[in-house]
Amino acid sequence: MSHLPWFHSNRITNKQRKEEAVKMAQLRNMYGSNVSFNLFLCGYFDSPYLGYEAAEGIDWIWEHRIDDLAKLGI
């Protein structure tokens, strides 16, 4: 499985969310359905944002749980 981290602060726009969804679709087309796209989140993110990302198959790791990166092999 390929892991591709992406770093974010809490200033996310709808345009950026859509870009992430497009990026995930492109990665799946290129690498297959087993590709993993992971965001490294810093700051506060509300439930609608996280729900949108989860619906697109995008996972995240919080900056205060950086050890979780090792669980993903990153």
PDB file of N, CA and C in Angstrom:
ATOM      1  N   MET A   1       0.836  -1.167   0.000  1.00  0.00           N
ATOM      2  CA  MET A   1       0.000   0.000   0.000  1.00  0.00           C
ATOM      3  C   MET A   1       0.888   1.240   0.000  1.00  0.00           C
ATOM      4  N   SER A   2       0.573   2.190  -0.830  1.00  0.00           N
ATOM      5  CA  SER A   2       1.305   3.446  -0.884  1.00  0.00           C
ATOM      6  C   SER A   2       0.693   4.421   0.100  1.00  0.00           C
ATOM      7  N   HIS A   3       1.534   5.094   0.884  1.00  0.00           N
ATOM      8  CA  HIS A   3       1.072   6.110   1.824  1.00  0.00           C
ATOM      9  C   HIS A   3       1.592   7.451   1.361  1.00  0.00           C
ATOM     10  N   LEU A   4       0.696   8.405   1.190  1.00  0.00           N
ATOM     11  CA  LEU A   4       1.073   9.722   0.741  1.00  0.00           C
ATOM     12  C   LEU A   4       0.577  10.749   1.747  1.00  0.00           C
ATOM     13  N   PRO A   5       1.464  11.286   2.595  1.00  0.00           N
ATOM     14  CA  PRO A   5       1.028  12.258   3.594  1.00  0.00           C
ATOM     15  C   PRO A   5       0.821  13.638   2.975  1.00  0.00           C
ATOM     16  N   TRP A   6      -0.057  14.406   3.558  1.00  0.00           N
ATOM     17  CA  TRP A   6      -0.325  15.764   3.126  1.00  0.00           C
ATOM     18  C   TRP A   6      -0.525  16.582   4.384  1.00  0.00           C
ATOM     19  N   PHE A   7       0.117  17.713   4.481  1.00  0.00           N
ATOM     20  CA  PHE A   7       0.093  18.503   5.700  1.00  0.00           C
ATOM     21  C   PHE A   7      -0.914  19.639   5.596  1.00  0.00           C
ATOM     22  N   HIS A   8      -1.650  19.902   6.688  1.00  0.00           N
ATOM     23  CA  HIS A   8      -2.688  20.920   6.686  1.00  0.00           C
ATOM     24  C   HIS A   8      -2.687  21.716   7.966  1.00  0.00           C
ATOM     25  N   SER A   9      -2.962  23.002   7.825  1.00  0.00           N
ATOM     26  CA  SER A   9      -3.316  23.800   8.989  1.00  0.00           C
ATOM     27  C   SER A   9      -4.837  23.873   9.010  1.00  0.00           C
ATOM     28  N   ASN A  10      -5.410  24.607   9.943  1.00  0.00           N
ATOM     29  CA  ASN A  10      -6.860  24.607  10.063  1.00  0.00           C
ATOM     30  C   ASN A  10      -7.555  25.612   9.155  1.00  0.00           C
ATOM     31  N   ARG A  11      -6.879  26.194   8.206  1.00  0.00           N
ATOM     32  CA  ARG A  11      -7.497  27.162   7.289  1.00  0.00           C
ATOM     33  C   ARG A  11      -7.790  26.476   5.957  1.00  0.00           C
ATOM     34  N   ILE A  12      -8.875  25.740   5.927  1.00  0.00           N
ATOM     35  CA  ILE A  12      -9.249  24.953   4.762  1.00  0.00           C
ATOM     36  C   ILE A  12     -10.475  25.574   4.107  1.00  0.00           C
ATOM     37  N   THR A  13     -10.450  25.660   2.796  1.00  0.00           N
ATOM     38  CA  THR A  13     -11.590  26.186   2.061  1.00  0.00           C
ATOM     39  C   THR A  13     -12.309  25.046   1.350  1.00  0.00           C
ATOM     40  N   ASN A  14     -13.515  25.320   0.897  1.00  0.00           N
ATOM     41  CA  ASN A  14     -14.249  24.323   0.122  1.00  0.00           C
ATOM     42  C   ASN A  14     -13.467  23.933  -1.120  1.00  0.00           C
ATOM     43  N   LYS A  15     -12.800  24.904  -1.729  1.00  0.00           N
ATOM     44  CA  LYS A  15     -12.001  24.630  -2.923  1.00  0.00           C
ATOM     45  C   LYS A  15     -10.904  23.612  -2.608  1.00  0.00           C
ATOM     46  N   GLN A  16     -10.237  23.771  -1.462  1.00  0.00           N
ATOM     47  CA  GLN A  16      -9.180  22.834  -1.080  1.00  0.00           C
ATOM     48  C   GLN A  16      -9.741  21.446  -0.829  1.00  0.00           C
ATOM     49  N   ARG A  17     -10.925  21.354  -0.216  1.00  0.00           N
ATOM     50  CA  ARG A  17     -11.547  20.050   0.016  1.00  0.00           C
ATOM     51  C   ARG A  17     -11.821  19.338  -1.301  1.00  0.00           C
ATOM     52  N   LYS A  18     -12.331  20.090  -2.258  1.00  0.00           N
ATOM     53  CA  LYS A  18     -12.607  19.510  -3.569  1.00  0.00           C
ATOM     54  C   LYS A  18     -11.317  19.081  -4.253  1.00  0.00           C
ATOM     55  N   GLU A  19     -10.265  19.882  -4.102  1.00  0.00           N
ATOM     56  CA  GLU A  19      -8.972  19.518  -4.686  1.00  0.00           C
ATOM     57  C   GLU A  19      -8.443  18.225  -4.076  1.00  0.00           C
ATOM     58  N   GLU A  20      -8.639  18.049  -2.769  1.00  0.00           N
ATOM     59  CA  GLU A  20      -8.202  16.819  -2.117  1.00  0.00           C
ATOM     60  C   GLU A  20      -8.972  15.619  -2.644  1.00  0.00           C
ATOM     61  N   ALA A  21     -10.275  15.789  -2.868  1.00  0.00           N
ATOM     62  CA  ALA A  21     -11.094  14.699  -3.404  1.00  0.00           C
ATOM     63  C   ALA A  21     -10.625  14.333  -4.809  1.00  0.00           C
ATOM     64  N   VAL A  22     -10.314  15.333  -5.614  1.00  0.00           N
ATOM     65  CA  VAL A  22      -9.802  15.083  -6.967  1.00  0.00           C
ATOM     66  C   VAL A  22      -8.456  14.384  -6.900  1.00  0.00           C
ATOM     67  N   LYS A  23      -7.603  14.843  -5.995  1.00  0.00           N
ATOM     68  CA  LYS A  23      -6.284  14.230  -5.829  1.00  0.00           C
ATOM     69  C   LYS A  23      -6.412  12.763  -5.444  1.00  0.00           C
ATOM     70  N   MET A  24      -7.341  12.450  -4.533  1.00  0.00           N
ATOM     71  CA  MET A  24      -7.548  11.070  -4.119  1.00  0.00           C
ATOM     72  C   MET A  24      -8.009  10.226  -5.300  1.00  0.00           C
ATOM     73  N   ALA A  25      -8.915  10.751  -6.101  1.00  0.00           N
ATOM     74  CA  ALA A  25      -9.396  10.023  -7.282  1.00  0.00           C
ATOM     75  C   ALA A  25      -8.252   9.774  -8.263  1.00  0.00           C
ATOM     76  N   GLN A  26      -7.401  10.767  -8.453  1.00  0.00           N
ATOM     77  CA  GLN A  26      -6.253  10.608  -9.344  1.00  0.00           C
ATOM     78  C   GLN A  26      -5.289   9.548  -8.821  1.00  0.00           C
ATOM     79  N   LEU A  27      -5.053   9.549  -7.518  1.00  0.00           N
ATOM     80  CA  LEU A  27      -4.159   8.558  -6.920  1.00  0.00           C
ATOM     81  C   LEU A  27      -4.720   7.150  -7.080  1.00  0.00           C
ATOM     82  N   ARG A  28      -6.024   7.000  -6.872  1.00  0.00           N
ATOM     83  CA  ARG A  28      -6.650   5.684  -7.051  1.00  0.00           C
ATOM     84  C   ARG A  28      -6.530   5.221  -8.496  1.00  0.00           C
ATOM     85  N   ASN A  29      -6.739   6.147  -9.433  1.00  0.00           N
ATOM     86  CA  ASN A  29      -6.612   5.791 -10.850  1.00  0.00           C
ATOM     87  C   ASN A  29      -5.194   5.364 -11.196  1.00  0.00           C
ATOM     88  N   MET A  30      -4.210   6.008 -10.587  1.00  0.00           N
ATOM     89  CA  MET A  30      -2.818   5.726 -10.905  1.00  0.00           C
ATOM     90  C   MET A  30      -2.280   4.501 -10.165  1.00  0.00           C
ATOM     91  N   TYR A  31      -2.617   4.369  -8.857  1.00  0.00           N
ATOM     92  CA  TYR A  31      -2.015   3.335  -8.019  1.00  0.00           C
ATOM     93  C   TYR A  31      -2.973   2.221  -7.599  1.00  0.00           C
ATOM     94  N   GLY A  32      -4.244   2.356  -7.913  1.00  0.00           N
ATOM     95  CA  GLY A  32      -5.210   1.335  -7.536  1.00  0.00           C
ATOM     96  C   GLY A  32      -5.948   1.673  -6.256  1.00  0.00           C
ATOM     97  N   SER A  33      -6.880   0.837  -5.914  1.00  0.00           N
ATOM     98  CA  SER A  33      -7.760   1.111  -4.771  1.00  0.00           C
ATOM     99  C   SER A  33      -7.077   0.964  -3.418  1.00  0.00           C
ATOM    100  N   ASN A  34      -5.891   0.366  -3.375  1.00  0.00           N
ATOM    101  CA  ASN A  34      -5.190   0.199  -2.091  1.00  0.00           C
ATOM    102  C   ASN A  34      -4.367   1.405  -1.685  1.00  0.00           C
ATOM    103  N   VAL A  35      -4.368   2.459  -2.497  1.00  0.00           N
ATOM    104  CA  VAL A  35      -3.580   3.640  -2.142  1.00  0.00           C
ATOM    105  C   VAL A  35      -4.178   4.291  -0.896  1.00  0.00           C
ATOM    106  N   SER A  36      -3.317   4.829  -0.063  1.00  0.00           N
ATOM    107  CA  SER A  36      -3.739   5.501   1.163  1.00  0.00           C
ATOM    108  C   SER A  36      -3.274   6.945   1.100  1.00  0.00           C
ATOM    109  N   PHE A  37      -4.199   7.873   1.296  1.00  0.00           N
ATOM    110  CA  PHE A  37      -3.895   9.302   1.297  1.00  0.00           C
ATOM    111  C   PHE A  37      -4.179   9.802   2.699  1.00  0.00           C
ATOM    112  N   ASN A  38      -3.145  10.275   3.384  1.00  0.00           N
ATOM    113  CA  ASN A  38      -3.254  10.647   4.788  1.00  0.00           C
ATOM    114  C   ASN A  38      -2.898  12.107   4.989  1.00  0.00           C
ATOM    115  N   LEU A  39      -3.743  12.815   5.704  1.00  0.00           N
ATOM    116  CA  LEU A  39      -3.492  14.209   6.043  1.00  0.00           C
ATOM    117  C   LEU A  39      -2.854  14.285   7.419  1.00  0.00           C
ATOM    118  N   PHE A  40      -1.911  15.193   7.585  1.00  0.00           N
ATOM    119  CA  PHE A  40      -1.314  15.475   8.883  1.00  0.00           C
ATOM    120  C   PHE A  40      -1.934  16.789   9.336  1.00  0.00           C
ATOM    121  N   LEU A  41      -2.844  16.709  10.312  1.00  0.00           N
ATOM    122  CA  LEU A  41      -3.637  17.865  10.701  1.00  0.00           C
ATOM    123  C   LEU A  41      -3.064  18.581  11.908  1.00  0.00           C
ATOM    124  N   CYS A  42      -2.976  19.894  11.772  1.00  0.00           N
ATOM    125  CA  CYS A  42      -2.480  20.764  12.836  1.00  0.00           C
ATOM    126  C   CYS A  42      -3.573  21.779  13.154  1.00  0.00           C
ATOM    127  N   GLY A  43      -4.022  21.813  14.377  1.00  0.00           N
ATOM    128  CA  GLY A  43      -5.049  22.769  14.752  1.00  0.00           C
ATOM    129  C   GLY A  43      -6.412  22.123  14.879  1.00  0.00           C
ATOM    130  N   TYR A  44      -7.458  22.934  14.744  1.00  0.00           N
ATOM    131  CA  TYR A  44      -8.839  22.477  14.909  1.00  0.00           C
ATOM    132  C   TYR A  44      -9.495  22.252  13.557  1.00  0.00           C
ATOM    133  N   PHE A  45     -10.202  21.140  13.413  1.00  0.00           N
ATOM    134  CA  PHE A  45     -10.982  20.838  12.222  1.00  0.00           C
ATOM    135  C   PHE A  45     -12.345  20.361  12.682  1.00  0.00           C
ATOM    136  N   ASP A  46     -13.385  20.933  12.108  1.00  0.00           N
ATOM    137  CA  ASP A  46     -14.727  20.580  12.552  1.00  0.00           C
ATOM    138  C   ASP A  46     -15.189  19.259  11.949  1.00  0.00           C
ATOM    139  N   SER A  47     -16.269  18.740  12.509  1.00  0.00           N
ATOM    140  CA  SER A  47     -16.807  17.450  12.072  1.00  0.00           C
ATOM    141  C   SER A  47     -17.188  17.409  10.592  1.00  0.00           C
ATOM    142  N   PRO A  48     -17.805  18.463  10.044  1.00  0.00           N
ATOM    143  CA  PRO A  48     -18.135  18.408   8.616  1.00  0.00           C
ATOM    144  C   PRO A  48     -16.898  18.227   7.728  1.00  0.00           C
ATOM    145  N   TYR A  49     -15.804  18.902   8.076  1.00  0.00           N
ATOM    146  CA  TYR A  49     -14.572  18.749   7.297  1.00  0.00           C
ATOM    147  C   TYR A  49     -14.075  17.308   7.377  1.00  0.00           C
ATOM    148  N   LEU A  50     -14.001  16.772   8.578  1.00  0.00           N
ATOM    149  CA  LEU A  50     -13.494  15.411   8.752  1.00  0.00           C
ATOM    150  C   LEU A  50     -14.409  14.393   8.092  1.00  0.00           C
ATOM    151  N   GLY A  51     -15.719  14.634   8.161  1.00  0.00           N
ATOM    152  CA  GLY A  51     -16.663  13.741   7.500  1.00  0.00           C
ATOM    153  C   GLY A  51     -16.502  13.758   5.993  1.00  0.00           C
ATOM    154  N   TYR A  52     -16.270  14.925   5.434  1.00  0.00           N
ATOM    155  CA  TYR A  52     -16.052  15.052   3.993  1.00  0.00           C
ATOM    156  C   TYR A  52     -14.811  14.272   3.571  1.00  0.00           C
ATOM    157  N   GLU A  53     -13.732  14.419   4.321  1.00  0.00           N
ATOM    158  CA  GLU A  53     -12.490  13.712   4.004  1.00  0.00           C
ATOM    159  C   GLU A  53     -12.690  12.199   4.120  1.00  0.00           C
ATOM    160  N   ALA A  54     -13.350  11.762   5.185  1.00  0.00           N
ATOM    161  CA  ALA A  54     -13.588  10.333   5.385  1.00  0.00           C
ATOM    162  C   ALA A  54     -14.432   9.757   4.250  1.00  0.00           C
ATOM    163  N   ALA A  55     -15.428  10.509   3.801  1.00  0.00           N
ATOM    164  CA  ALA A  55     -16.285  10.046   2.711  1.00  0.00           C
ATOM    165  C   ALA A  55     -15.493   9.861   1.413  1.00  0.00           C
ATOM    166  N   GLU A  56     -14.412  10.612   1.264  1.00  0.00           N
ATOM    167  CA  GLU A  56     -13.566  10.506   0.073  1.00  0.00           C
ATOM    168  C   GLU A  56     -12.493   9.425   0.228  1.00  0.00           C
ATOM    169  N   GLY A  57     -12.448   8.778   1.415  1.00  0.00           N
ATOM    170  CA  GLY A  57     -11.447   7.742   1.654  1.00  0.00           C
ATOM    171  C   GLY A  57     -10.113   8.297   2.108  1.00  0.00           C
ATOM    172  N   ILE A  58     -10.133   9.550   2.554  1.00  0.00           N
ATOM    173  CA  ILE A  58      -8.911  10.209   3.024  1.00  0.00           C
ATOM    174  C   ILE A  58      -8.882  10.098   4.544  1.00  0.00           C
ATOM    175  N   ASP A  59      -7.755   9.650   5.073  1.00  0.00           N
ATOM    176  CA  ASP A  59      -7.587   9.503   6.512  1.00  0.00           C
ATOM    177  C   ASP A  59      -6.701  10.630   7.014  1.00  0.00           C
ATOM    178  N   TRP A  60      -6.558  10.761   8.331  1.00  0.00           N
ATOM    179  CA  TRP A  60      -5.756  11.835   8.892  1.00  0.00           C
ATOM    180  C   TRP A  60      -5.077  11.384  10.165  1.00  0.00           C
ATOM    181  N   ILE A  61      -4.030  12.122  10.495  1.00  0.00           N
ATOM    182  CA  ILE A  61      -3.305  11.939  11.755  1.00  0.00           C
ATOM    183  C   ILE A  61      -3.151  13.322  12.365  1.00  0.00           C
ATOM    184  N   TRP A  62      -3.420  13.414  13.654  1.00  0.00           N
ATOM    185  CA  TRP A  62      -3.305  14.687  14.362  1.00  0.00           C
ATOM    186  C   TRP A  62      -1.864  14.944  14.765  1.00  0.00           C
ATOM    187  N   GLU A  63      -1.468  16.206  14.778  1.00  0.00           N
ATOM    188  CA  GLU A  63      -0.101  16.562  15.149  1.00  0.00           C
ATOM    189  C   GLU A  63       0.247  16.109  16.565  1.00  0.00           C
ATOM    190  N   HIS A  64      -0.724  16.070  17.470  1.00  0.00           N
ATOM    191  CA  HIS A  64      -0.455  15.648  18.840  1.00  0.00           C
ATOM    192  C   HIS A  64      -0.394  14.118  18.974  1.00  0.00           C
ATOM    193  N   ARG A  65      -0.632  13.403  17.853  1.00  0.00           N
ATOM    194  CA  ARG A  65      -0.529  11.939  17.842  1.00  0.00           C
ATOM    195  C   ARG A  65       0.437  11.507  16.746  1.00  0.00           C
ATOM    196  N   ILE A  66       1.551  12.183  16.656  1.00  0.00           N
ATOM    197  CA  ILE A  66       2.503  11.959  15.574  1.00  0.00           C
ATOM    198  C   ILE A  66       3.019  10.523  15.556  1.00  0.00           C
ATOM    199  N   ASP A  67       3.007   9.844  16.694  1.00  0.00           N
ATOM    200  CA  ASP A  67       3.458   8.448  16.724  1.00  0.00           C
ATOM    201  C   ASP A  67       2.573   7.533  15.868  1.00  0.00           C
ATOM    202  N   ASP A  68       1.356   7.984  15.570  1.00  0.00           N
ATOM    203  CA  ASP A  68       0.478   7.198  14.709  1.00  0.00           C
ATOM    204  C   ASP A  68       1.032   7.052  13.294  1.00  0.00           C
ATOM    205  N   LEU A  69       1.931   7.937  12.893  1.00  0.00           N
ATOM    206  CA  LEU A  69       2.564   7.809  11.578  1.00  0.00           C
ATOM    207  C   LEU A  69       3.284   6.469  11.463  1.00  0.00           C
ATOM    208  N   ALA A  70       3.903   6.040  12.525  1.00  0.00           N
ATOM    209  CA  ALA A  70       4.630   4.762  12.511  1.00  0.00           C
ATOM    210  C   ALA A  70       3.672   3.586  12.280  1.00  0.00           C
ATOM    211  N   LYS A  71       2.458   3.691  12.779  1.00  0.00           N
ATOM    212  CA  LYS A  71       1.477   2.623  12.585  1.00  0.00           C
ATOM    213  C   LYS A  71       1.125   2.448  11.118  1.00  0.00           C
ATOM    214  N   LEU A  72       1.256   3.534  10.357  1.00  0.00           N
ATOM    215  CA  LEU A  72       0.977   3.489   8.924  1.00  0.00           C
ATOM    216  C   LEU A  72       2.223   3.162   8.106  1.00  0.00           C
ATOM    217  N   GLY A  73       3.357   3.067   8.767  1.00  0.00           N
ATOM    218  CA  GLY A  73       4.598   2.778   8.042  1.00  0.00           C
ATOM    219  C   GLY A  73       5.170   4.000   7.356  1.00  0.00           C
ATOM    220  N   ILE A  74       4.804   5.180   7.838  1.00  0.00           N
ATOM    221  CA  ILE A  74       5.301   6.426   7.245  1.00  0.00           C
ATOM    222  C   ILE A  74       6.487   6.924   8.040  1.00  0.00           C
TER     223      ILE A  74
END
